[in-house]
Protein backbone atom coordinates (compact mmCIF):
# COMPACT_ATOMS: atom_id res chain seq x y z
CA UNK A 1 0.00 0.00 0.00
CA UNK A 2 1.36 3.44 -0.93
CA UNK A 3 1.86 6.15 1.70
CA UNK A 4 -1.05 8.21 0.30
CA UNK A 5 -3.40 5.23 0.34
CA UNK A 6 -2.37 4.51 3.93
CA UNK A 7 -2.98 8.15 4.93
CA UNK A 8 -6.45 8.06 3.42
CA UNK A 9 -7.22 4.78 5.22
CA UNK A 10 -5.79 5.76 8.61
CA UNK A 11 -6.48 9.50 8.85
CA UNK A 12 -9.52 10.34 6.73
CA UNK A 13 -11.77 7.30 6.22
CA UNK A 14 -12.35 6.81 10.01
CA UNK A 15 -13.73 10.39 10.12
CA UNK A 16 -16.01 9.83 7.11
CA UNK A 17 -13.75 11.90 4.86
CA UNK A 18 -12.19 11.24 1.48
CA UNK A 19 -8.70 12.40 0.54
CA UNK A 20 -8.66 14.15 -2.82
CA UNK A 21 -4.94 14.91 -3.13
CA UNK A 22 -1.71 14.81 -1.15
CA UNK A 23 1.82 16.08 -1.69
CA UNK A 24 4.93 15.11 0.24
CA UNK A 25 6.80 18.22 1.34
CA UNK A 26 9.71 19.64 3.29
CA UNK A 27 10.05 23.13 4.66
CA UNK A 28 12.16 25.56 2.65
CA UNK A 29 12.99 27.37 5.86
CA UNK A 30 13.12 25.37 9.05
CA UNK A 31 11.22 26.67 12.03
CA UNK A 32 13.05 26.99 15.32
CA UNK A 33 11.10 24.67 17.60
CA UNK A 34 12.25 23.80 21.13
CA UNK A 35 13.31 20.19 21.54
CA UNK A 36 10.60 19.54 24.11
CA UNK A 37 7.90 20.74 21.74
CA UNK A 38 8.81 18.08 19.20
CA UNK A 39 8.81 15.31 21.78
CA UNK A 40 12.25 14.28 20.55
CA UNK A 41 10.74 12.07 17.87
CA UNK A 42 13.51 12.64 15.35
CA UNK A 43 13.11 12.78 11.57
CA UNK A 44 9.72 12.60 9.90
CA UNK A 45 7.95 12.85 6.59
CA UNK A 46 5.32 15.54 6.03
CA UNK A 47 2.31 15.43 3.73
CA UNK A 48 -0.12 18.23 2.90
CA UNK A 49 -3.50 16.67 2.20
CA UNK A 50 -6.76 17.93 0.71
CA UNK A 51 -9.90 16.15 1.88
CA UNK A 52 -13.68 16.45 1.69
CA UNK A 53 -16.42 15.10 3.94
CA UNK A 54 -18.70 12.42 2.55
CA UNK A 55 -21.76 13.97 4.14
CA UNK A 56 -23.54 16.89 2.49
CA UNK A 57 -23.00 19.77 2.51
CA UNK A 58 -19.38 18.94 1.72
CA UNK A 59 -16.67 20.51 3.88
CA UNK A 60 -13.11 20.81 2.60
CA UNK A 61 -10.00 20.68 4.74
CA UNK A 62 -6.26 20.99 4.29
CA UNK A 63 -4.41 18.79 6.74
CA UNK A 64 -0.76 18.44 7.68
CA UNK A 65 0.05 14.78 8.28
CA UNK A 66 3.35 13.40 9.57
CA UNK A 67 4.99 10.00 9.79
CA UNK A 68 7.80 9.86 12.30
CA UNK A 69 10.93 7.79 11.83
CA UNK A 70 10.55 4.25 13.10
CA UNK A 71 6.75 4.37 13.04
CA UNK A 72 4.35 3.11 10.40
CA UNK A 73 1.51 5.30 11.69
CA UNK A 74 0.43 8.61 10.16
CA UNK A 75 -0.45 11.41 12.57
CA UNK A 76 -2.65 14.44 11.94
CA UNK A 77 -0.75 17.53 13.15
CA UNK A 78 -2.66 20.60 11.88
CA UNK A 79 -5.87 21.19 9.96
CA UNK A 80 -7.52 24.18 8.29
CA UNK A 81 -10.84 24.62 6.54
CA UNK A 82 -10.73 25.71 2.92
CA UNK A 83 -12.25 29.07 3.96
CA UNK A 84 -9.17 29.73 6.10
CA UNK A 85 -6.92 29.41 3.05
CA UNK A 86 -6.04 32.87 1.78
CA UNK A 87 -3.39 32.35 -0.85
CA UNK A 88 -1.58 29.66 -2.83
CA UNK A 89 1.73 30.90 -4.25
CA UNK A 90 3.21 28.79 -7.03
CA UNK A 91 6.50 30.78 -6.87
CA UNK A 92 7.26 30.69 -10.62
CA UNK A 93 4.54 30.97 -13.29
CA UNK A 94 7.00 30.37 -16.15
CA UNK A 95 8.47 26.98 -15.36
CA UNK A 96 7.90 23.77 -13.41
CA UNK A 97 9.24 24.02 -9.87
CA UNK A 98 8.58 22.09 -6.65
CA UNK A 99 8.29 25.15 -4.39
CA UNK A 100 4.98 26.61 -3.21
CA UNK A 101 3.57 28.60 -0.29
CA UNK A 102 0.29 28.28 1.57
CA UNK A 103 -1.08 31.25 3.48
CA UNK A 104 -3.91 30.75 6.01
CA UNK A 105 -5.62 33.13 8.40
CA UNK A 106 -3.29 32.08 11.20
CA UNK A 107 -0.36 30.38 9.47
CA UNK A 108 2.11 30.74 6.63
CA UNK A 109 4.21 27.84 5.37
CA UNK A 110 6.87 27.69 2.67
CA UNK A 111 7.18 24.23 1.17
CA UNK A 112 9.16 22.31 -1.40
CA UNK A 113 7.43 19.24 -2.81
CA UNK A 114 9.14 15.94 -3.57
CA UNK A 115 8.85 16.84 -7.27
CA UNK A 116 7.52 19.61 -9.50
CA UNK A 117 5.00 17.19 -10.99
CA UNK A 118 3.59 16.23 -7.59
CA UNK A 119 3.27 19.89 -6.63
CA UNK A 120 1.57 20.68 -9.96
CA UNK A 121 -0.98 17.91 -9.51
CA UNK A 122 -1.77 19.06 -5.96
CA UNK A 123 -2.14 22.72 -6.96
CA UNK A 124 -4.36 21.88 -9.92
CA UNK A 125 -6.70 19.67 -7.89
CA UNK A 126 -6.73 22.25 -5.08
CA UNK A 127 -7.66 25.04 -7.52
CA UNK A 128 -10.39 22.97 -9.17
CA UNK A 129 -11.80 21.93 -5.79
CA UNK A 130 -11.81 25.51 -4.48
CA UNK A 131 -13.73 26.67 -7.54
CA UNK A 132 -16.28 23.93 -7.00
CA UNK A 133 -16.75 23.85 -3.23
CA UNK A 134 -15.44 26.94 -1.47
CA UNK A 135 -17.59 29.88 -0.45
CA UNK A 136 -17.75 33.29 -2.12
CA UNK A 137 -14.35 34.18 -0.66
CA UNK A 138 -12.10 31.92 -2.68
CA UNK A 139 -8.33 31.72 -2.07
CA UNK A 140 -6.02 33.61 -4.37
CA UNK A 141 -3.72 31.63 -6.65
CA UNK A 142 -0.62 33.65 -7.58
CA UNK A 143 2.52 32.84 -9.57
CA UNK A 144 0.97 29.56 -10.76
CA UNK A 145 1.44 28.21 -14.25
CA UNK A 146 -1.58 28.80 -16.49
CA UNK A 147 -1.73 25.08 -17.33
CA UNK A 148 -2.57 24.40 -13.69
CA UNK A 149 -5.41 26.92 -13.56
CA UNK A 150 -6.74 27.06 -17.11
CA UNK A 151 -9.13 24.13 -17.00
CA UNK A 152 -8.94 20.69 -15.51
CA UNK A 153 -6.39 19.01 -17.73
CA UNK A 154 -5.59 16.28 -15.19
CA UNK A 155 -9.25 15.59 -14.60
CA UNK A 156 -9.98 15.74 -18.32
CA UNK A 157 -7.08 13.39 -19.01
CA UNK A 158 -8.49 10.93 -16.51
CA UNK A 159 -11.92 11.22 -18.11
CA UNK A 160 -10.39 10.79 -21.58
CA UNK A 161 -8.57 7.68 -20.38
CA UNK A 162 -11.79 6.19 -19.06
CA UNK A 163 -13.63 7.06 -22.29
CA UNK A 164 -10.83 5.54 -24.35
CA UNK A 165 -10.90 2.36 -22.27
CA UNK A 166 -14.67 2.08 -22.69
CA UNK A 167 -14.38 2.61 -26.43
CA UNK A 168 -11.67 -0.02 -26.72
CA UNK A 169 -13.70 -2.48 -24.66
CA UNK A 170 -16.77 -1.80 -26.79
CA UNK A 171 -14.78 -2.28 -29.97
CA UNK A 172 -13.32 -5.52 -28.63
CA UNK A 173 -16.80 -6.78 -27.74
CA UNK A 174 -18.10 -5.85 -31.19
CA UNK A 175 -15.20 -7.60 -32.86
CA UNK A 176 -15.74 -10.62 -30.64
CA UNK A 177 -19.42 -10.57 -31.52
CA UNK A 178 -18.59 -10.45 -35.19
CA UNK A 179 -16.16 -13.36 -34.80
CA UNK A 180 -18.75 -15.34 -32.86
CA UNK A 181 -21.34 -14.50 -35.50
CA UNK A 182 -19.04 -15.72 -38.26
CA UNK A 183 -18.27 -18.86 -36.24
CA UNK A 184 -21.98 -19.49 -35.73
CA UNK A 185 -22.58 -19.01 -39.45
CA UNK A 186 -19.82 -21.49 -40.25
CA UNK A 187 -21.24 -23.94 -37.71
CA UNK A 188 -24.69 -23.61 -39.24
CA UNK A 189 -23.25 -24.16 -42.72
CA UNK A 190 -21.40 -27.24 -41.51
CA UNK A 191 -24.58 -28.60 -39.88
CA UNK A 192 -26.53 -28.02 -43.09
CA UNK A 193 -23.82 -29.71 -45.09
CA UNK A 194 -23.81 -32.64 -42.66
CA UNK A 195 -27.57 -32.97 -42.88
CA UNK A 196 -27.45 -32.84 -46.66
CA UNK A 197 -24.68 -35.42 -46.68
CA UNK A 198 -26.70 -37.68 -44.37
CA UNK A 199 -29.79 -37.37 -46.58
CA UNK A 200 -27.73 -38.04 -49.69
CA UNK A 201 -26.01 -41.03 -48.05
CA UNK A 202 -29.40 -42.45 -47.01
CA UNK A 203 -30.73 -42.11 -50.56
CA UNK A 204 -27.59 -43.76 -51.93
CA UNK A 205 -27.99 -46.68 -49.50
CA UNK A 206 -31.64 -47.08 -50.54
CA UNK A 207 -30.67 -46.97 -54.19
CA UNK A 208 -27.90 -49.51 -53.67
CA UNK A 209 -30.28 -51.78 -51.75
CA UNK A 210 -32.86 -51.65 -54.53
CA UNK A 211 -30.21 -52.54 -57.08
CA UNK A 212 -28.87 -55.34 -54.90
CA UNK A 213 -32.22 -56.97 -54.15
CA UNK A 214 -33.53 -56.29 -57.62
CA UNK A 215 -30.74 -58.22 -59.13
């Protein structure tokens, strides 16, 4: 099971939520936190997750989840509603980059994702989800590439993939049907030929018998 699947199973599903996207991150600038505040738990991995409640009306949340070294468990550390999100800064609108910032009412974090592609996917899904679910005060997306905000290319690609798979399956079924139809036709022809052969053979035997006994 992947880390993201495990996070969804351990952190969100028990609270009747569904994780929509997650990105593994590290801070670009480390915060100075007293040793006692961290509990001395050592290194950890951090994920920023976007989730939605299953119950209507849907409520969106952005959650910081950590997995500490030596533990297989994922722990929820901080959570904000989508209405608390003020700004998403993509850092560079002209090229792919893994850096991004999230500004909330009471927090500001500077992150670097594990890859530019993972960050791009997260930002695109976050933007699409905000347009669909958030209230009148939507977060501001700045310095983000137009390909991440100009439509739902990832979602459309997924839909196109499904459509393509359905079309291929339908074509395969049609071709199979045609092959089965041709096979059935050949079987019917063979049965007709066999019946005709049997009738002919019976007539020949009768004819031969007449000749034999007549002589």
